[in-house]
Protein backbone atom coordinates (compact mmCIF):
# COMPACT_ATOMS: atom_id res chain seq x y z
CA MET A 1 86.58 99.95 80.61
CA ALA A 2 89.80 101.09 80.61
CA GLY A 3 89.95 102.67 84.50
CA ASP A 4 89.05 98.84 85.30
CA ILE A 5 92.31 97.35 83.92
CA PRO A 6 94.22 96.50 87.10
CA TYR A 7 98.20 98.47 87.14
CA MET A 8 100.77 99.15 88.96
CA ALA A 9 101.68 102.99 89.58
CA SER A 10 105.16 102.13 90.01
CA ALA A 11 106.63 98.95 88.70
CA LYS A 12 110.03 99.00 89.66
CA ASN A 13 109.76 96.18 92.26
CA LEU A 14 107.37 93.88 90.36
CA PRO A 15 110.51 91.52 89.10
CA ALA A 16 111.43 91.26 92.67
CA ILE A 17 108.09 90.38 94.37
CA LEU A 18 107.78 87.90 91.58
CA GLU A 19 111.32 85.95 92.13
CA LYS A 20 110.24 86.57 95.41
CA ILE A 21 107.09 85.03 95.01
CA LYS A 22 108.73 81.69 93.61
CA ALA A 23 111.01 81.69 96.86
CA ALA A 24 108.53 82.26 99.32
CA GLY A 25 105.54 79.27 100.26
CA THR A 26 101.68 79.01 98.69
CA PRO A 27 100.47 81.03 101.55
CA PRO A 28 96.76 80.51 102.39
CA LYS A 29 95.54 84.03 100.85
CA PHE A 30 97.85 86.65 99.47
CA THR A 31 97.34 89.63 102.02
CA HIS A 32 99.51 92.74 102.05
CA GLU A 33 100.55 91.11 105.64
CA PHE A 34 101.95 88.08 103.43
CA LEU A 35 103.73 90.89 100.81
CA LYS A 36 105.26 92.62 103.41
CA ALA A 37 105.89 90.43 105.98
CA ASN A 38 106.86 87.35 103.58
CA LEU A 39 108.03 89.01 100.82
CA GLY A 40 109.49 91.80 102.37
CA TYR A 41 107.42 94.68 100.68
CA PRO A 42 105.93 97.22 103.06
CA SER A 43 105.79 99.95 100.62
CA SER A 44 101.98 100.75 100.19
CA ASN A 45 103.04 101.14 96.43
CA ASP A 46 103.43 97.67 95.64
CA ARG A 47 99.91 96.47 97.63
CA SER A 48 98.49 97.11 93.58
CA VAL A 49 100.40 94.12 92.97
CA ILE A 50 97.60 91.75 94.65
CA GLY A 51 95.16 93.25 91.57
CA VAL A 52 97.92 92.36 88.07
CA LEU A 53 97.70 88.69 90.17
CA LYS A 54 94.13 88.23 90.26
CA ALA A 55 93.99 90.00 86.65
CA LEU A 56 96.95 87.36 86.14
CA GLY A 57 94.79 84.52 87.33
CA PHE A 58 97.28 83.90 90.02
CA LEU A 59 95.11 84.54 92.68
CA THR A 60 90.60 84.07 92.82
CA THR A 61 89.32 87.14 93.75
CA ASP A 62 89.02 86.33 97.22
CA SER A 63 93.43 86.64 97.43
CA VAL A 64 93.73 82.64 97.89
CA PRO A 65 96.82 81.36 95.20
CA THR A 66 95.42 79.20 92.60
CA ALA A 67 96.89 76.39 90.35
CA ARG A 68 98.43 78.79 88.11
CA TYR A 69 100.30 80.14 90.89
CA ASN A 70 101.88 77.36 92.08
CA GLU A 71 102.63 76.49 88.51
CA PHE A 72 104.34 79.64 88.24
CA ARG A 73 106.77 79.12 91.80
CA ASN A 74 107.65 76.26 89.28
CA ASP A 75 111.02 77.21 87.39
CA THR A 76 110.14 75.03 84.40
CA ARG A 77 106.68 75.98 84.00
CA SER A 78 106.89 80.06 84.93
CA GLY A 79 107.11 81.09 81.59
CA SER A 80 104.17 78.86 80.19
CA ALA A 81 101.96 80.37 83.18
CA MET A 82 102.84 84.10 82.64
CA ALA A 83 102.00 84.15 79.48
CA SER A 84 98.37 81.99 79.86
CA GLY A 85 98.28 85.07 83.00
CA LEU A 86 98.79 87.89 80.05
CA ARG A 87 97.00 86.39 77.56
CA ASP A 88 93.79 85.82 79.71
CA GLY A 89 93.82 89.60 82.33
CA TRP A 90 94.86 91.89 79.04
CA ALA A 91 92.97 89.86 76.31
C-alpha cells in the first residue's frame, strides 16, 4: 500500500546522515537517541530516517543494524549495499 512506503518529509539532511553513519561506530540499536547524540541530528524531522533505513535493510524491525548496514559503512561496498537496499525496499 502506498501509505506504507517509508519516506522523509525533508530529505535535506539525508546525505549528511548517511556520511555520518559511515564515520560513526555501529550501535547496538539505531535509536532516536543515537541519531541525536552520536550523529548530531536532534530534529524530529530527521527521525523518519530510521524507517528509511529499515526499508533499505540496514536495520531490523527492532532497529538493530544488519550486515548490510556494516557493508554500507565500508567505502568500497557502500554503493553496492545502497543499490541492494533500494531494490529490496522499493521494488
